């Protein structure tokens, strides 16, 4: 199996950086750093990220709705 140089060791790492929700993701992590992993102080960031991911998923499902596996 050939190595792909800049490809992360796991696929999700590549996808999150390409996500429209990457700014919300990094804001959540920065909040956790700022408040020493106190999740209660970062709930608003988590909610914004979760909503973004929901919209991103709905858009992807809509795009793929008319695709066929056999086309």
PDB file of N, CA and C in Angstrom:
ATOM      1  N   UNK A   1       0.845  -1.184   0.000  1.00  0.00           N
ATOM      2  CA  UNK A   1       0.000   0.000   0.000  1.00  0.00           C
ATOM      3  C   UNK A   1       0.891   1.248   0.000  1.00  0.00           C
ATOM      4  N   UNK A   2       0.671   2.123  -0.939  1.00  0.00           N
ATOM      5  CA  UNK A   2       1.505   3.312  -1.099  1.00  0.00           C
ATOM      6  C   UNK A   2       1.058   4.424  -0.152  1.00  0.00           C
ATOM      7  N   UNK A   3       2.016   5.167   0.342  1.00  0.00           N
ATOM      8  CA  UNK A   3       1.724   6.305   1.211  1.00  0.00           C
ATOM      9  C   UNK A   3       1.418   7.523   0.349  1.00  0.00           C
ATOM     10  N   UNK A   4       0.508   8.372   0.795  1.00  0.00           N
ATOM     11  CA  UNK A   4       0.102   9.536   0.003  1.00  0.00           C
ATOM     12  C   UNK A   4       0.664  10.845   0.556  1.00  0.00           C
ATOM     13  N   UNK A   5       1.798  10.798   1.214  1.00  0.00           N
ATOM     14  CA  UNK A   5       2.473  12.014   1.648  1.00  0.00           C
ATOM     15  C   UNK A   5       1.683  12.901   2.590  1.00  0.00           C
ATOM     16  N   UNK A   6       0.874  13.820   2.052  1.00  0.00           N
ATOM     17  CA  UNK A   6       0.179  14.792   2.883  1.00  0.00           C
ATOM     18  C   UNK A   6      -1.182  14.313   3.385  1.00  0.00           C
ATOM     19  N   UNK A   7      -1.574  13.114   3.039  1.00  0.00           N
ATOM     20  CA  UNK A   7      -2.858  12.595   3.490  1.00  0.00           C
ATOM     21  C   UNK A   7      -2.779  12.229   4.973  1.00  0.00           C
ATOM     22  N   UNK A   8      -3.722  12.698   5.775  1.00  0.00           N
ATOM     23  CA  UNK A   8      -3.711  12.361   7.201  1.00  0.00           C
ATOM     24  C   UNK A   8      -3.865  10.853   7.399  1.00  0.00           C
ATOM     25  N   UNK A   9      -3.437  10.349   8.548  1.00  0.00           N
ATOM     26  CA  UNK A   9      -3.506   8.915   8.796  1.00  0.00           C
ATOM     27  C   UNK A   9      -4.941   8.388   8.894  1.00  0.00           C
ATOM     28  N   UNK A  10      -5.899   9.262   9.084  1.00  0.00           N
ATOM     29  CA  UNK A  10      -7.291   8.837   9.119  1.00  0.00           C
ATOM     30  C   UNK A  10      -8.124   9.825   8.311  1.00  0.00           C
ATOM     31  N   UNK A  11      -9.120   9.326   7.547  1.00  0.00           N
ATOM     32  CA  UNK A  11      -9.854  10.163   6.585  1.00  0.00           C
ATOM     33  C   UNK A  11     -10.599  11.345   7.194  1.00  0.00           C
ATOM     34  N   UNK A  12     -11.133  11.206   8.402  1.00  0.00           N
ATOM     35  CA  UNK A  12     -11.935  12.295   8.969  1.00  0.00           C
ATOM     36  C   UNK A  12     -11.109  13.556   9.175  1.00  0.00           C
ATOM     37  N   UNK A  13      -9.808  13.412   9.377  1.00  0.00           N
ATOM     38  CA  UNK A  13      -8.950  14.589   9.569  1.00  0.00           C
ATOM     39  C   UNK A  13      -8.910  15.434   8.306  1.00  0.00           C
ATOM     40  N   UNK A  14      -8.917  14.812   7.153  1.00  0.00           N
ATOM     41  CA  UNK A  14      -8.916  15.549   5.896  1.00  0.00           C
ATOM     42  C   UNK A  14     -10.262  16.224   5.666  1.00  0.00           C
ATOM     43  N   UNK A  15     -11.322  15.553   6.009  1.00  0.00           N
ATOM     44  CA  UNK A  15     -12.658  16.088   5.750  1.00  0.00           C
ATOM     45  C   UNK A  15     -12.991  17.295   6.613  1.00  0.00           C
ATOM     46  N   UNK A  16     -12.609  17.299   7.870  1.00  0.00           N
ATOM     47  CA  UNK A  16     -13.003  18.405   8.744  1.00  0.00           C
ATOM     48  C   UNK A  16     -12.382  19.720   8.264  1.00  0.00           C
ATOM     49  N   UNK A  17     -11.176  19.685   7.760  1.00  0.00           N
ATOM     50  CA  UNK A  17     -10.537  20.908   7.274  1.00  0.00           C
ATOM     51  C   UNK A  17     -11.233  21.437   6.026  1.00  0.00           C
ATOM     52  N   UNK A  18     -11.869  20.570   5.281  1.00  0.00           N
ATOM     53  CA  UNK A  18     -12.586  20.974   4.071  1.00  0.00           C
ATOM     54  C   UNK A  18     -14.029  21.370   4.356  1.00  0.00           C
ATOM     55  N   UNK A  19     -14.470  21.145   5.556  1.00  0.00           N
ATOM     56  CA  UNK A  19     -15.855  21.402   5.928  1.00  0.00           C
ATOM     57  C   UNK A  19     -16.142  22.902   6.027  1.00  0.00           C
ATOM     58  N   UNK A  20     -17.379  23.271   5.681  1.00  0.00           N
ATOM     59  CA  UNK A  20     -17.812  24.656   5.865  1.00  0.00           C
ATOM     60  C   UNK A  20     -17.903  24.988   7.351  1.00  0.00           C
ATOM     61  N   UNK A  21     -17.927  23.959   8.177  1.00  0.00           N
ATOM     62  CA  UNK A  21     -18.065  24.136   9.626  1.00  0.00           C
ATOM     63  C   UNK A  21     -16.722  24.172  10.342  1.00  0.00           C
ATOM     64  N   UNK A  22     -15.630  24.182   9.595  1.00  0.00           N
ATOM     65  CA  UNK A  22     -14.306  24.183  10.214  1.00  0.00           C
ATOM     66  C   UNK A  22     -14.103  25.362  11.177  1.00  0.00           C
ATOM     67  N   UNK A  23     -14.552  26.589  10.835  1.00  0.00           N
ATOM     68  CA  UNK A  23     -14.388  27.702  11.789  1.00  0.00           C
ATOM     69  C   UNK A  23     -15.117  27.454  13.115  1.00  0.00           C
ATOM     70  N   UNK A  24     -16.314  26.873  13.054  1.00  0.00           N
ATOM     71  CA  UNK A  24     -17.061  26.572  14.270  1.00  0.00           C
ATOM     72  C   UNK A  24     -16.370  25.470  15.074  1.00  0.00           C
ATOM     73  N   UNK A  25     -15.808  24.510  14.353  1.00  0.00           N
ATOM     74  CA  UNK A  25     -15.071  23.414  14.986  1.00  0.00           C
ATOM     75  C   UNK A  25     -13.863  23.961  15.747  1.00  0.00           C
ATOM     76  N   UNK A  26     -13.077  24.810  15.076  1.00  0.00           N
ATOM     77  CA  UNK A  26     -11.888  25.347  15.742  1.00  0.00           C
ATOM     78  C   UNK A  26     -12.265  26.286  16.892  1.00  0.00           C
ATOM     79  N   UNK A  27     -13.359  27.013  16.747  1.00  0.00           N
ATOM     80  CA  UNK A  27     -13.819  27.887  17.836  1.00  0.00           C
ATOM     81  C   UNK A  27     -14.180  27.059  19.071  1.00  0.00           C
ATOM     82  N   UNK A  28     -14.788  25.903  18.862  1.00  0.00           N
ATOM     83  CA  UNK A  28     -15.123  25.015  19.982  1.00  0.00           C
ATOM     84  C   UNK A  28     -13.861  24.537  20.688  1.00  0.00           C
ATOM     85  N   UNK A  29     -12.865  24.139  19.901  1.00  0.00           N
ATOM     86  CA  UNK A  29     -11.615  23.659  20.493  1.00  0.00           C
ATOM     87  C   UNK A  29     -10.891  24.773  21.242  1.00  0.00           C
ATOM     88  N   UNK A  30     -10.888  25.976  20.667  1.00  0.00           N
ATOM     89  CA  UNK A  30     -10.226  27.104  21.327  1.00  0.00           C
ATOM     90  C   UNK A  30     -10.931  27.443  22.640  1.00  0.00           C
ATOM     91  N   UNK A  31     -12.243  27.338  22.637  1.00  0.00           N
ATOM     92  CA  UNK A  31     -13.008  27.589  23.861  1.00  0.00           C
ATOM     93  C   UNK A  31     -12.620  26.579  24.940  1.00  0.00           C
ATOM     94  N   UNK A  32     -12.535  25.321  24.557  1.00  0.00           N
ATOM     95  CA  UNK A  32     -12.143  24.291  25.527  1.00  0.00           C
ATOM     96  C   UNK A  32     -10.746  24.557  26.083  1.00  0.00           C
ATOM     97  N   UNK A  33      -9.843  24.994  25.220  1.00  0.00           N
ATOM     98  CA  UNK A  33      -8.495  25.344  25.686  1.00  0.00           C
ATOM     99  C   UNK A  33      -8.545  26.507  26.669  1.00  0.00           C
ATOM    100  N   UNK A  34      -9.309  27.519  26.311  1.00  0.00           N
ATOM    101  CA  UNK A  34      -9.397  28.729  27.134  1.00  0.00           C
ATOM    102  C   UNK A  34      -9.954  28.431  28.525  1.00  0.00           C
ATOM    103  N   UNK A  35     -10.947  27.550  28.578  1.00  0.00           N
ATOM    104  CA  UNK A  35     -11.611  27.271  29.855  1.00  0.00           C
ATOM    105  C   UNK A  35     -11.208  25.925  30.447  1.00  0.00           C
ATOM    106  N   UNK A  36     -10.002  25.469  30.117  1.00  0.00           N
ATOM    107  CA  UNK A  36      -9.460  24.233  30.689  1.00  0.00           C
ATOM    108  C   UNK A  36     -10.423  23.059  30.587  1.00  0.00           C
ATOM    109  N   UNK A  37     -10.973  22.868  29.407  1.00  0.00           N
ATOM    110  CA  UNK A  37     -11.875  21.745  29.089  1.00  0.00           C
ATOM    111  C   UNK A  37     -13.194  21.779  29.859  1.00  0.00           C
ATOM    112  N   UNK A  38     -13.593  22.945  30.347  1.00  0.00           N
ATOM    113  CA  UNK A  38     -14.894  23.078  31.012  1.00  0.00           C
ATOM    114  C   UNK A  38     -15.970  23.207  29.933  1.00  0.00           C
ATOM    115  N   UNK A  39     -16.571  22.077  29.599  1.00  0.00           N
ATOM    116  CA  UNK A  39     -17.544  22.030  28.503  1.00  0.00           C
ATOM    117  C   UNK A  39     -18.748  22.937  28.736  1.00  0.00           C
ATOM    118  N   UNK A  40     -19.126  23.138  29.981  1.00  0.00           N
ATOM    119  CA  UNK A  40     -20.303  23.958  30.276  1.00  0.00           C
ATOM    120  C   UNK A  40     -20.125  25.400  29.792  1.00  0.00           C
ATOM    121  N   UNK A  41     -18.890  25.879  29.743  1.00  0.00           N
ATOM    122  CA  UNK A  41     -18.639  27.254  29.307  1.00  0.00           C
ATOM    123  C   UNK A  41     -18.581  27.376  27.790  1.00  0.00           C
ATOM    124  N   UNK A  42     -18.613  26.242  27.089  1.00  0.00           N
ATOM    125  CA  UNK A  42     -18.475  26.253  25.628  1.00  0.00           C
ATOM    126  C   UNK A  42     -19.722  25.726  24.920  1.00  0.00           C
ATOM    127  N   UNK A  43     -20.807  25.546  25.648  1.00  0.00           N
ATOM    128  CA  UNK A  43     -21.999  24.934  25.066  1.00  0.00           C
ATOM    129  C   UNK A  43     -22.512  25.695  23.850  1.00  0.00           C
ATOM    130  N   UNK A  44     -22.445  27.020  23.885  1.00  0.00           N
ATOM    131  CA  UNK A  44     -22.907  27.814  22.744  1.00  0.00           C
ATOM    132  C   UNK A  44     -22.094  27.489  21.484  1.00  0.00           C
ATOM    133  N   UNK A  45     -20.784  27.327  21.643  1.00  0.00           N
ATOM    134  CA  UNK A  45     -19.930  26.951  20.508  1.00  0.00           C
ATOM    135  C   UNK A  45     -20.321  25.578  19.968  1.00  0.00           C
ATOM    136  N   UNK A  46     -20.582  24.645  20.882  1.00  0.00           N
ATOM    137  CA  UNK A  46     -20.977  23.296  20.466  1.00  0.00           C
ATOM    138  C   UNK A  46     -22.293  23.327  19.700  1.00  0.00           C
ATOM    139  N   UNK A  47     -23.232  24.117  20.185  1.00  0.00           N
ATOM    140  CA  UNK A  47     -24.543  24.198  19.536  1.00  0.00           C
ATOM    141  C   UNK A  47     -24.435  24.791  18.126  1.00  0.00           C
ATOM    142  N   UNK A  48     -23.617  25.824  17.973  1.00  0.00           N
ATOM    143  CA  UNK A  48     -23.426  26.455  16.664  1.00  0.00           C
ATOM    144  C   UNK A  48     -22.788  25.453  15.707  1.00  0.00           C
ATOM    145  N   UNK A  49     -21.784  24.721  16.185  1.00  0.00           N
ATOM    146  CA  UNK A  49     -21.119  23.708  15.351  1.00  0.00           C
ATOM    147  C   UNK A  49     -22.089  22.589  14.972  1.00  0.00           C
ATOM    148  N   UNK A  50     -22.864  22.134  15.937  1.00  0.00           N
ATOM    149  CA  UNK A  50     -23.831  21.061  15.687  1.00  0.00           C
ATOM    150  C   UNK A  50     -24.860  21.482  14.635  1.00  0.00           C
ATOM    151  N   UNK A  51     -25.337  22.715  14.721  1.00  0.00           N
ATOM    152  CA  UNK A  51     -26.309  23.230  13.754  1.00  0.00           C
ATOM    153  C   UNK A  51     -25.686  23.337  12.359  1.00  0.00           C
ATOM    154  N   UNK A  52     -24.440  23.777  12.315  1.00  0.00           N
ATOM    155  CA  UNK A  52     -23.740  23.869  11.034  1.00  0.00           C
ATOM    156  C   UNK A  52     -23.601  22.484  10.405  1.00  0.00           C
ATOM    157  N   UNK A  53     -23.186  21.500  11.195  1.00  0.00           N
ATOM    158  CA  UNK A  53     -23.029  20.136  10.679  1.00  0.00           C
ATOM    159  C   UNK A  53     -24.358  19.569  10.206  1.00  0.00           C
ATOM    160  N   UNK A  54     -25.433  19.904  10.909  1.00  0.00           N
ATOM    161  CA  UNK A  54     -26.765  19.443  10.510  1.00  0.00           C
ATOM    162  C   UNK A  54     -27.127  20.000   9.130  1.00  0.00           C
ATOM    163  N   UNK A  55     -26.897  21.307   8.939  1.00  0.00           N
ATOM    164  CA  UNK A  55     -27.192  21.938   7.649  1.00  0.00           C
ATOM    165  C   UNK A  55     -26.301  21.380   6.544  1.00  0.00           C
ATOM    166  N   UNK A  56     -25.036  21.154   6.879  1.00  0.00           N
ATOM    167  CA  UNK A  56     -24.103  20.596   5.908  1.00  0.00           C
ATOM    168  C   UNK A  56     -24.555  19.193   5.480  1.00  0.00           C
ATOM    169  N   UNK A  57     -24.988  18.396   6.437  1.00  0.00           N
ATOM    170  CA  UNK A  57     -25.459  17.037   6.146  1.00  0.00           C
ATOM    171  C   UNK A  57     -26.730  17.071   5.293  1.00  0.00           C
ATOM    172  N   UNK A  58     -27.661  17.953   5.648  1.00  0.00           N
ATOM    173  CA  UNK A  58     -28.903  18.070   4.870  1.00  0.00           C
ATOM    174  C   UNK A  58     -28.609  18.476   3.426  1.00  0.00           C
ATOM    175  N   UNK A  59     -27.668  19.399   3.241  1.00  0.00           N
ATOM    176  CA  UNK A  59     -27.297  19.838   1.891  1.00  0.00           C
ATOM    177  C   UNK A  59     -26.669  18.692   1.101  1.00  0.00           C
ATOM    178  N   UNK A  60     -25.825  17.899   1.774  1.00  0.00           N
ATOM    179  CA  UNK A  60     -25.198  16.759   1.108  1.00  0.00           C
ATOM    180  C   UNK A  60     -26.239  15.717   0.710  1.00  0.00           C
ATOM    181  N   UNK A  61     -27.181  15.440   1.599  1.00  0.00           N
ATOM    182  CA  UNK A  61     -28.246  14.484   1.295  1.00  0.00           C
ATOM    183  C   UNK A  61     -29.092  14.965   0.116  1.00  0.00           C
ATOM    184  N   UNK A  62     -29.364  16.255   0.081  1.00  0.00           N
ATOM    185  CA  UNK A  62     -30.151  16.834  -1.018  1.00  0.00           C
ATOM    186  C   UNK A  62     -29.403  16.698  -2.345  1.00  0.00           C
ATOM    187  N   UNK A  63     -28.099  16.997  -2.323  1.00  0.00           N
ATOM    188  CA  UNK A  63     -27.280  16.859  -3.532  1.00  0.00           C
ATOM    189  C   UNK A  63     -27.260  15.419  -4.032  1.00  0.00           C
ATOM    190  N   UNK A  64     -27.218  14.489  -3.096  1.00  0.00           N
ATOM    191  CA  UNK A  64     -27.092  13.073  -3.457  1.00  0.00           C
ATOM    192  C   UNK A  64     -28.433  12.389  -3.705  1.00  0.00           C
ATOM    193  N   UNK A  65     -29.528  13.082  -3.435  1.00  0.00           N
ATOM    194  CA  UNK A  65     -30.855  12.468  -3.528  1.00  0.00           C
ATOM    195  C   UNK A  65     -31.129  11.851  -4.891  1.00  0.00           C
ATOM    196  N   UNK A  66     -30.753  12.551  -5.940  1.00  0.00           N
ATOM    197  CA  UNK A  66     -31.079  12.083  -7.287  1.00  0.00           C
ATOM    198  C   UNK A  66     -29.964  11.267  -7.937  1.00  0.00           C
ATOM    199  N   UNK A  67     -28.905  11.033  -7.190  1.00  0.00           N
ATOM    200  CA  UNK A  67     -27.823  10.211  -7.730  1.00  0.00           C
ATOM    201  C   UNK A  67     -28.206   8.741  -7.696  1.00  0.00           C
ATOM    202  N   UNK A  68     -27.714   8.030  -8.657  1.00  0.00           N
ATOM    203  CA  UNK A  68     -27.931   6.597  -8.699  1.00  0.00           C
ATOM    204  C   UNK A  68     -26.593   5.889  -8.527  1.00  0.00           C
ATOM    205  N   UNK A  69     -26.607   4.775  -7.852  1.00  0.00           N
ATOM    206  CA  UNK A  69     -25.380   3.991  -7.697  1.00  0.00           C
ATOM    207  C   UNK A  69     -24.970   3.355  -9.019  1.00  0.00           C
ATOM    208  N   UNK A  70     -25.906   3.306  -9.971  1.00  0.00           N
ATOM    209  CA  UNK A  70     -25.666   2.583 -11.222  1.00  0.00           C
ATOM    210  C   UNK A  70     -25.502   3.505 -12.421  1.00  0.00           C
ATOM    211  N   UNK A  71     -25.280   4.801 -12.190  1.00  0.00           N
ATOM    212  CA  UNK A  71     -25.161   5.716 -13.324  1.00  0.00           C
ATOM    213  C   UNK A  71     -23.729   5.854 -13.771  1.00  0.00           C
TER     214      UNK A  71
END
